[in-house]
Amino acid sequence: MGQRYYIETLGCPKNQVDSDKIAGTLIADGLTSTDDPSKADVVIVNTCAFIEEARKESIDMMLTLDDMRKRSSRLIVTGCMAERYGDELAEALPEADQVAGFGVPIQLGRKPLKVTGDVPSFDLLNLPRPKSASPWAYVKIAEGCDRNCGFCAIPSFRGPQRSRDISSILTEVEQLDVREVVLIAQDLASYGKDRPEELGAGSIVQLVRDVTKMTDWVRLLYLYPSDLSDDLIDAILETKVPYFDLSLQHVSKPHLRRMRRWGDGQRFLERIERIRSLAPHAAFRTNFIVGYPGETEEDHDQLLSFVREAQLDWCGFFAFSPEEGTHALTLPDHVDVSLMNERLAELREIQDAISSDRRDLLLGETIEVLVDEPGIARSFREAPEIDGVVQVPDSLEVGRFHTVTVEQVFGPDLIAVEGSVANAR
């Protein structure tokens, strides 16, 4: 039997795409996958380094897999932590046989190799990947970010934005052969701005429309609000997935400027209301950072008011995490942890009630869902691996669209039966 590999992916969907690309190279080298790390010849941890909690989770997973793996195997650490802390991580983690940053080939032999500079790099972004095992797939359209948000260290280790050719993206979509494509990037709506002469102005709009012709559903994750143009809104509504994942982070104008971010609550509300005027059933998700340095009670009150008024389907609230090398660490007036936790609890309580009410509105409604696995489906309102799901009968065929009627709400999830309202009664 040939060699087998096991990949553990931590962090965001962009890391999942990177893992798929790594898997593609290993398969090309003759390896096969296993879901049991103790049987793998190559054990890979694709790490996240976005915030301290994610780094701790990555280290814990490295050590856990080191305990589980067979001694003859190789433990490879890759991803954001490997790129950001390569030499330091290699020194602190003698258990790893290789610490490989982005685009560094995985070494299958026993020769020790700790740092990224020992081998030539390759273009991870444009590598082929295996066909998706699910009826949906993430497709990364760009790497890196040109923004300078005060809380974010991503540009320091992911680098500036680097957009892919539209043709390479469409080829990947065709090869994946899925019913839903989820386009992702650090700064999705800025796709093509680093290559205006080649890709043209507004290239994200053209890309969305091109992908829409190739698959049933197209979903966009992480839209910076200043780039959510009318043309892009129209293109999203044409995808049959009126789902808007807006990267807002806060709503207080002075506080957003401290964050080195654009916008304010009123502008955000106006954009949301415009979308709802075109598509009243549109779904919205966003994330907010709580406790960024300088956040006042007035800033917090504005955020509370916005959350109540916006009535968004899904919201994530995250405690500020001080990150090495970011503008935030130079700012005064850091928020006390206990106050930060109080604000988080208050916001989450309000949003939980809103999300519950939004789900209750679907009781008795007939909706179209895509079945991801036996008994588990999603409508356009639920992004894969992020939001709730729709529980459906196990008899509904996986990878197909079905019409169902919502009978119950269970937390963030819906419980539905097959057929329309007329058939269900």
Protein backbone atom coordinates (compact mmCIF):
# COMPACT_ATOMS: atom_id res chain seq x y z
CA MET A 1 0.00 0.00 0.00
CA GLY A 2 1.26 3.47 -0.88
CA GLN A 3 1.72 6.37 1.48
CA ARG A 4 -1.27 8.10 3.05
CA TYR A 5 -1.79 11.66 4.23
CA TYR A 6 -3.98 13.37 6.79
CA ILE A 7 -4.71 17.12 6.79
CA GLU A 8 -6.17 19.06 9.73
CA THR A 9 -7.35 22.52 8.68
CA LEU A 10 -7.86 25.31 11.18
CA GLY A 11 -9.14 28.83 10.67
CA CYS A 12 -11.07 30.37 7.82
CA PRO A 13 -12.36 29.01 4.48
CA LYS A 14 -9.29 30.43 2.73
CA ASN A 15 -7.20 27.91 4.67
CA GLN A 16 -9.51 25.12 3.52
CA VAL A 17 -8.78 26.01 -0.09
CA ASP A 18 -5.05 25.98 0.65
CA SER A 19 -5.45 22.51 2.16
CA ASP A 20 -7.26 21.34 -0.97
CA LYS A 21 -4.38 22.63 -3.07
CA ILE A 22 -1.87 20.81 -0.86
CA ALA A 23 -3.96 17.64 -1.15
CA GLY A 24 -3.85 17.99 -4.92
CA THR A 25 -0.04 17.98 -4.91
CA LEU A 26 0.09 14.98 -2.57
CA ILE A 27 -2.36 13.02 -4.72
CA ALA A 28 -0.24 13.84 -7.76
CA ASP A 29 2.73 12.39 -5.86
CA GLY A 30 0.82 9.12 -5.40
CA LEU A 31 -0.48 9.55 -1.85
CA THR A 32 -4.04 8.76 -0.76
CA SER A 33 -6.02 10.44 1.99
CA THR A 34 -7.04 8.94 5.33
CA ASP A 35 -9.30 10.30 8.04
CA ASP A 36 -7.24 8.55 10.72
CA PRO A 37 -4.02 10.44 11.62
CA SER A 38 -2.59 7.34 13.31
CA LYS A 39 -2.53 5.60 9.92
CA ALA A 40 -1.03 8.48 7.95
CA ASP A 41 2.53 8.64 6.69
CA VAL A 42 2.27 12.42 6.36
CA VAL A 43 0.31 14.42 8.96
CA ILE A 44 -0.28 18.06 8.06
CA VAL A 45 -1.62 20.86 10.27
CA ASN A 46 -2.75 23.91 8.31
CA THR A 47 -2.64 26.57 11.01
CA CYS A 48 -4.39 29.86 11.69
CA ALA A 49 -2.61 32.90 13.14
CA PHE A 50 -5.34 35.54 12.98
CA ILE A 51 -5.78 36.01 16.74
CA GLU A 52 -4.21 34.58 19.89
CA GLU A 53 -7.03 32.10 20.47
CA ALA A 54 -6.53 30.68 16.98
CA ARG A 55 -2.78 30.34 17.54
CA LYS A 56 -3.35 28.43 20.78
CA GLU A 57 -5.79 26.13 19.01
CA SER A 58 -3.21 25.50 16.28
CA ILE A 59 -0.46 24.63 18.76
CA ASP A 60 -2.79 22.36 20.73
CA MET A 61 -3.73 20.56 17.54
CA MET A 62 -0.07 20.11 16.55
CA LEU A 63 0.70 18.50 19.90
CA THR A 64 -2.44 16.35 19.82
CA LEU A 65 -1.63 14.99 16.38
CA ASP A 66 1.98 14.42 17.40
CA ASP A 67 0.70 12.15 20.17
CA MET A 68 -1.63 10.31 17.79
CA ARG A 69 0.64 9.79 14.80
CA LYS A 70 2.85 6.79 14.22
CA ARG A 71 6.54 7.44 14.85
CA SER A 72 7.54 6.72 11.25
CA SER A 73 5.30 9.49 9.92
CA ARG A 74 6.19 13.11 9.17
CA LEU A 75 4.44 15.96 10.99
CA ILE A 76 4.21 19.02 8.76
CA VAL A 77 3.13 22.44 10.02
CA THR A 78 1.98 24.88 7.35
CA GLY A 79 -0.42 27.80 6.96
CA CYS A 80 -0.48 31.23 8.56
CA MET A 81 1.52 30.41 11.70
CA ALA A 82 4.24 28.77 9.65
CA GLU A 83 4.44 31.78 7.37
CA ARG A 84 4.29 34.37 10.15
CA TYR A 85 6.55 32.68 12.71
CA GLY A 86 8.54 30.19 10.59
CA ASP A 87 11.97 30.03 12.31
CA GLU A 88 10.55 30.83 15.74
CA LEU A 89 7.90 28.13 15.41
CA ALA A 90 10.40 25.56 14.16
CA GLU A 91 12.62 26.21 17.19
CA ALA A 92 9.73 26.09 19.64
CA LEU A 93 8.16 22.97 18.14
CA PRO A 94 10.78 20.23 17.80
CA GLU A 95 7.96 17.74 17.26
CA ALA A 96 7.46 19.06 13.71
CA ASP A 97 9.52 17.53 10.91
CA GLN A 98 8.87 20.50 8.64
CA VAL A 99 7.57 24.04 9.08
CA ALA A 100 6.47 25.12 5.62
CA GLY A 101 5.14 28.58 4.78
CA PHE A 102 2.83 29.33 1.87
CA GLY A 103 3.75 27.62 -1.35
CA VAL A 104 6.59 25.52 0.10
CA PRO A 105 6.40 21.92 -1.17
CA ILE A 106 5.67 19.29 1.47
CA GLN A 107 8.75 17.11 1.95
CA LEU A 108 7.89 13.42 1.94
CA GLY A 109 11.35 12.05 2.74
CA ARG A 110 12.96 11.81 6.15
CA LYS A 111 15.49 14.59 5.60
CA PRO A 112 14.93 17.25 8.31
CA LEU A 113 13.65 20.50 6.87
CA LYS A 114 12.51 23.23 9.19
CA VAL A 115 12.34 26.56 7.44
CA THR A 116 10.65 27.88 4.35
CA GLY A 117 13.81 29.13 2.69
CA ASP A 118 15.32 25.66 2.22
CA VAL A 119 13.30 24.82 -0.87
CA PRO A 120 11.94 26.68 -3.89
CA SER A 121 8.38 27.91 -3.54
CA PHE A 122 5.47 27.32 -5.88
CA ASP A 123 2.24 29.15 -6.63
CA LEU A 124 -0.19 27.69 -4.12
CA LEU A 125 -3.00 29.98 -5.27
CA ASN A 126 -3.13 28.52 -8.78
CA LEU A 127 -2.40 24.87 -8.07
CA PRO A 128 -5.02 22.29 -9.14
CA ARG A 129 -7.13 20.65 -6.44
CA PRO A 130 -9.19 17.46 -6.14
CA LYS A 131 -12.86 17.40 -7.10
CA SER A 132 -15.03 18.50 -4.18
CA ALA A 133 -16.52 15.75 -2.02
CA SER A 134 -19.46 18.07 -1.27
CA PRO A 135 -22.00 19.63 -3.61
CA TRP A 136 -20.42 23.01 -2.84
CA ALA A 137 -16.86 24.35 -2.75
CA TYR A 138 -14.89 27.42 -1.76
CA VAL A 139 -12.95 29.05 -4.60
CA LYS A 140 -10.25 31.54 -3.66
CA ILE A 141 -10.02 34.30 -6.26
CA ALA A 142 -7.18 36.35 -4.76
CA GLU A 143 -4.52 36.21 -2.08
CA GLY A 144 -3.34 38.92 0.29
CA CYS A 145 -4.74 42.35 1.07
CA ASP A 146 -3.84 45.96 0.30
CA ARG A 147 -5.77 47.48 3.18
CA ASN A 148 -4.24 48.64 6.44
CA CYS A 149 -6.92 47.93 9.05
CA GLY A 150 -5.66 48.78 12.51
CA PHE A 151 -6.44 45.40 14.07
CA CYS A 152 -5.28 43.07 11.30
CA ALA A 153 -1.86 41.52 10.72
CA ILE A 154 -2.86 39.53 7.63
CA PRO A 155 -1.10 41.81 5.09
CA SER A 156 2.16 41.32 7.00
CA PHE A 157 2.26 37.59 6.28
CA ARG A 158 -0.22 37.08 3.41
CA GLY A 159 1.27 39.99 1.48
CA PRO A 160 -0.39 42.49 -0.89
CA GLN A 161 -3.40 41.52 -2.97
CA ARG A 162 -2.70 39.20 -5.86
CA SER A 163 -5.71 38.49 -8.07
CA ARG A 164 -5.97 35.36 -10.19
CA ASP A 165 -6.75 35.30 -13.88
CA ILE A 166 -10.47 34.96 -14.53
CA SER A 167 -9.74 32.03 -16.86
CA SER A 168 -7.93 30.08 -14.12
CA ILE A 169 -10.83 30.63 -11.73
CA LEU A 170 -13.39 29.47 -14.28
CA THR A 171 -11.28 26.39 -15.05
CA GLU A 172 -11.23 25.52 -11.35
CA VAL A 173 -15.00 26.00 -11.10
CA GLU A 174 -15.51 23.68 -14.06
CA GLN A 175 -13.22 21.00 -12.60
CA LEU A 176 -14.86 21.12 -9.17
CA ASP A 177 -18.24 20.33 -10.75
CA VAL A 178 -20.39 21.53 -7.81
CA ARG A 179 -23.88 22.98 -7.42
CA GLU A 180 -22.71 25.95 -5.34
CA VAL A 181 -19.51 27.98 -5.63
CA VAL A 182 -18.49 30.17 -2.68
CA LEU A 183 -16.08 32.88 -3.82
CA ILE A 184 -13.63 33.95 -1.11
CA ALA A 185 -10.63 36.25 -0.64
CA GLN A 186 -9.23 38.53 2.03
CA ASP A 187 -10.83 41.47 0.21
CA LEU A 188 -13.23 39.94 -2.27
CA ALA A 189 -14.82 43.03 -3.78
CA SER A 190 -11.37 44.46 -4.58
CA TYR A 191 -10.66 41.57 -6.93
CA GLY A 192 -8.74 42.80 -9.96
CA LYS A 193 -7.78 46.22 -8.60
CA ASP A 194 -4.14 45.12 -8.50
CA ARG A 195 -4.29 44.26 -12.21
CA PRO A 196 -6.53 46.93 -13.77
CA GLU A 197 -4.96 46.79 -17.24
CA GLU A 198 -5.33 43.00 -17.48
CA LEU A 199 -8.58 42.36 -15.61
CA GLY A 200 -10.32 45.69 -16.12
CA ALA A 201 -12.32 47.92 -13.82
CA GLY A 202 -15.15 46.24 -11.98
CA SER A 203 -13.72 42.81 -12.73
CA ILE A 204 -15.41 41.29 -9.66
CA VAL A 205 -18.79 41.98 -11.30
CA GLN A 206 -17.76 40.25 -14.51
CA LEU A 207 -16.31 37.32 -12.58
CA VAL A 208 -19.51 36.83 -10.57
CA ARG A 209 -21.57 36.86 -13.74
CA ASP A 210 -19.22 34.41 -15.48
CA VAL A 211 -19.34 31.96 -12.56
CA THR A 212 -23.13 32.33 -12.35
CA LYS A 213 -23.37 30.91 -15.88
CA MET A 214 -21.47 27.79 -14.79
CA THR A 215 -23.21 26.69 -11.60
CA ASP A 216 -26.55 26.86 -9.81
CA TRP A 217 -25.62 29.03 -6.84
CA VAL A 218 -22.82 31.57 -6.37
CA ARG A 219 -22.15 33.00 -2.92
CA LEU A 220 -19.70 35.78 -1.99
CA LEU A 221 -18.01 35.94 1.40
CA TYR A 222 -16.36 38.98 2.98
CA LEU A 223 -17.43 42.16 1.18
CA TYR A 224 -15.81 45.41 2.25
CA PRO A 225 -18.74 47.87 2.34
CA SER A 226 -17.08 50.71 0.40
CA ASP A 227 -16.76 48.43 -2.64
CA LEU A 228 -20.34 47.17 -2.60
CA SER A 229 -21.33 49.05 -5.73
CA ASP A 230 -24.76 49.06 -7.35
CA ASP A 231 -23.37 46.91 -10.16
CA LEU A 232 -22.05 44.35 -7.68
CA ILE A 233 -25.36 44.28 -5.82
CA ASP A 234 -27.14 43.61 -9.11
CA ALA A 235 -24.68 40.82 -9.96
CA ILE A 236 -25.19 39.19 -6.56
CA LEU A 237 -28.96 39.30 -6.93
CA GLU A 238 -28.58 37.56 -10.30
CA THR A 239 -26.81 34.59 -8.64
CA LYS A 240 -30.05 33.32 -7.00
CA VAL A 241 -28.19 33.71 -3.70
CA PRO A 242 -29.15 37.12 -2.26
CA TYR A 243 -26.76 36.66 0.66
CA PHE A 244 -24.63 39.63 1.70
CA ASP A 245 -21.66 39.00 3.99
CA LEU A 246 -20.55 42.53 4.87
CA SER A 247 -17.28 43.18 6.70
CA LEU A 248 -18.42 46.08 8.92
CA GLN A 249 -16.39 45.62 12.18
CA HIS A 250 -18.12 48.60 13.88
CA VAL A 251 -20.55 51.45 13.13
CA SER A 252 -19.25 54.47 15.10
CA LYS A 253 -17.57 56.79 12.59
CA PRO A 254 -14.77 58.07 14.90
CA HIS A 255 -14.14 54.55 16.13
CA LEU A 256 -13.99 53.15 12.60
CA ARG A 257 -11.38 55.80 11.81
CA ARG A 258 -9.35 54.58 14.79
CA MET A 259 -9.65 51.16 13.19
CA ARG A 260 -8.50 52.65 9.87
CA ARG A 261 -11.81 51.60 8.35
CA TRP A 262 -14.32 53.26 6.04
CA GLY A 263 -17.94 54.08 6.68
CA ASP A 264 -20.41 54.58 9.51
CA GLY A 265 -23.67 53.13 10.72
CA GLN A 266 -25.91 55.41 8.68
CA ARG A 267 -24.14 54.56 5.43
CA PHE A 268 -24.34 50.87 6.26
CA LEU A 269 -28.08 51.08 7.00
CA GLU A 270 -28.73 52.94 3.77
CA ARG A 271 -26.91 50.22 1.79
CA ILE A 272 -28.82 47.46 3.57
CA GLU A 273 -32.14 49.21 2.97
CA ARG A 274 -31.33 49.65 -0.73
CA ILE A 275 -30.66 45.92 -1.04
CA ARG A 276 -33.88 45.09 0.80
CA SER A 277 -35.82 47.40 -1.53
CA LEU A 278 -34.58 45.25 -4.44
CA ALA A 279 -34.77 41.90 -2.65
CA PRO A 280 -36.89 41.96 0.54
CA HIS A 281 -35.94 38.36 1.32
CA ALA A 282 -32.16 38.99 1.16
CA ALA A 283 -30.06 37.55 3.99
CA PHE A 284 -27.29 39.48 5.75
CA ARG A 285 -24.29 38.48 7.84
CA THR A 286 -21.58 40.61 9.41
CA ASN A 287 -18.94 40.61 12.14
CA PHE A 288 -18.10 43.22 14.76
CA ILE A 289 -15.00 43.72 16.90
CA VAL A 290 -15.74 44.67 20.50
CA GLY A 291 -13.18 46.39 22.73
CA TYR A 292 -10.83 47.80 20.11
CA PRO A 293 -8.68 50.48 21.83
CA GLY A 294 -10.56 53.71 22.42
CA GLU A 295 -14.06 52.22 22.20
CA THR A 296 -16.26 54.46 24.36
CA GLU A 297 -19.69 53.91 25.85
CA GLU A 298 -21.08 56.15 23.12
CA ASP A 299 -19.41 53.97 20.46
CA HIS A 300 -20.88 50.89 22.08
CA ASP A 301 -24.34 52.45 22.31
CA GLN A 302 -24.21 53.25 18.59
CA LEU A 303 -23.40 49.62 17.87
CA LEU A 304 -26.28 48.42 20.06
CA SER A 305 -28.65 50.76 18.25
CA PHE A 306 -27.42 49.62 14.85
CA VAL A 307 -27.84 45.95 15.68
CA ARG A 308 -31.42 46.55 16.79
CA GLU A 309 -32.27 48.65 13.72
CA ALA A 310 -30.51 46.59 11.06
CA GLN A 311 -32.21 43.29 12.01
CA LEU A 312 -29.52 41.20 10.33
CA ASP A 313 -29.88 37.45 10.01
CA TRP A 314 -26.47 36.55 11.38
CA CYS A 315 -23.86 38.50 13.37
CA GLY A 316 -20.58 37.47 14.92
CA PHE A 317 -19.12 39.48 17.81
CA PHE A 318 -15.45 39.06 18.64
CA ALA A 319 -13.31 40.41 21.43
CA PHE A 320 -10.42 42.59 20.27
CA SER A 321 -7.17 40.64 20.09
CA PRO A 322 -3.91 42.65 20.27
CA GLU A 323 -1.75 41.55 17.37
CA GLU A 324 1.98 42.11 17.00
CA GLY A 325 2.86 44.72 14.39
CA THR A 326 -0.60 46.26 14.09
CA HIS A 327 -1.59 49.91 14.45
CA ALA A 328 -3.89 49.02 17.37
CA LEU A 329 -0.95 48.31 19.65
CA THR A 330 0.20 51.92 19.32
CA LEU A 331 -3.14 53.29 20.52
CA PRO A 332 -3.99 54.39 24.06
CA ASP A 333 -7.16 53.62 26.03
CA HIS A 334 -7.25 49.84 25.81
CA VAL A 335 -10.59 48.49 27.01
CA ASP A 336 -10.64 46.46 30.21
CA VAL A 337 -11.31 42.76 29.57
CA SER A 338 -14.24 42.62 31.99
CA LEU A 339 -15.91 45.58 30.26
CA MET A 340 -15.23 44.01 26.88
CA ASN A 341 -16.94 40.80 28.01
CA GLU A 342 -19.95 42.74 29.31
CA ARG A 343 -20.34 44.47 25.96
CA LEU A 344 -20.00 41.19 24.11
CA ALA A 345 -22.68 39.53 26.25
CA GLU A 346 -25.08 42.43 25.75
CA LEU A 347 -24.66 42.42 21.97
CA ARG A 348 -24.93 38.65 21.66
CA GLU A 349 -28.14 38.56 23.71
CA ILE A 350 -29.76 41.15 21.44
CA GLN A 351 -28.60 39.47 18.24
CA ASP A 352 -29.61 35.98 19.39
CA ALA A 353 -33.17 37.25 19.78
CA ILE A 354 -33.07 38.92 16.35
CA SER A 355 -31.69 35.81 14.64
CA SER A 356 -34.37 33.72 16.37
CA ASP A 357 -37.10 36.08 15.17
CA ARG A 358 -35.72 36.02 11.62
CA ARG A 359 -35.83 32.22 11.65
CA ASP A 360 -39.36 32.16 13.10
CA LEU A 361 -40.55 34.18 10.09
CA LEU A 362 -39.82 31.11 7.94
CA LEU A 363 -42.23 28.80 9.79
CA GLY A 364 -44.68 27.35 7.29
CA GLU A 365 -42.76 28.75 4.33
CA THR A 366 -41.81 26.73 1.27
CA ILE A 367 -38.10 27.08 0.45
CA GLU A 368 -35.59 25.61 -1.96
CA VAL A 369 -32.64 23.82 -0.39
CA LEU A 370 -29.45 22.13 -1.52
CA VAL A 371 -28.79 18.87 0.33
CA ASP A 372 -25.16 18.75 1.48
CA GLU A 373 -25.28 15.35 3.20
CA PRO A 374 -28.01 12.96 4.33
CA GLY A 375 -30.49 14.92 6.44
CA ILE A 376 -28.61 18.24 6.17
CA ALA A 377 -29.42 20.97 3.68
CA ARG A 378 -29.19 24.75 3.24
CA SER A 379 -31.21 27.46 1.59
CA PHE A 380 -29.61 30.61 0.18
CA ARG A 381 -29.86 32.09 3.70
CA GLU A 382 -27.21 29.76 5.14
CA ALA A 383 -23.56 29.84 4.14
CA PRO A 384 -21.86 26.44 4.44
CA GLU A 385 -20.00 25.75 7.71
CA ILE A 386 -20.92 29.20 9.07
CA ASP A 387 -24.65 29.61 9.64
CA GLY A 388 -27.44 27.29 10.70
CA VAL A 389 -28.70 24.43 8.53
CA VAL A 390 -32.01 23.02 7.37
CA GLN A 391 -32.68 19.53 8.70
CA VAL A 392 -34.51 17.48 6.08
CA PRO A 393 -35.55 13.83 5.64
CA ASP A 394 -32.63 11.48 5.04
CA SER A 395 -34.39 10.26 1.90
CA LEU A 396 -33.69 13.52 0.02
CA GLU A 397 -30.91 12.98 -2.50
CA VAL A 398 -27.56 14.57 -1.68
CA GLY A 399 -26.26 17.10 -4.20
CA ARG A 400 -29.73 17.97 -5.46
CA PHE A 401 -32.10 20.87 -4.94
CA HIS A 402 -35.39 20.10 -3.23
CA THR A 403 -38.52 22.00 -2.29
CA VAL A 404 -39.31 21.72 1.42
CA THR A 405 -41.67 23.28 3.94
CA VAL A 406 -40.35 24.59 7.27
CA GLU A 407 -42.16 22.94 10.19
CA GLN A 408 -39.99 23.84 13.19
CA VAL A 409 -37.23 26.17 14.30
CA PHE A 410 -34.52 24.72 16.53
CA GLY A 411 -32.05 27.42 17.53
CA PRO A 412 -30.27 28.55 14.35
CA ASP A 413 -31.54 25.50 12.47
CA LEU A 414 -34.76 24.86 10.59
CA ILE A 415 -36.56 21.51 10.45
CA ALA A 416 -38.40 20.90 7.20
CA VAL A 417 -40.44 18.25 5.39
CA GLU A 418 -40.43 17.47 1.71
CA GLY A 419 -42.84 19.29 -0.56
CA SER A 420 -44.65 22.60 -0.78
CA VAL A 421 -47.14 24.06 1.66
CA ALA A 422 -50.01 22.80 -0.48
CA ASN A 423 -48.64 19.26 -0.50
CA ALA A 424 -47.81 19.34 3.21
CA ARG A 425 -51.38 20.17 4.32
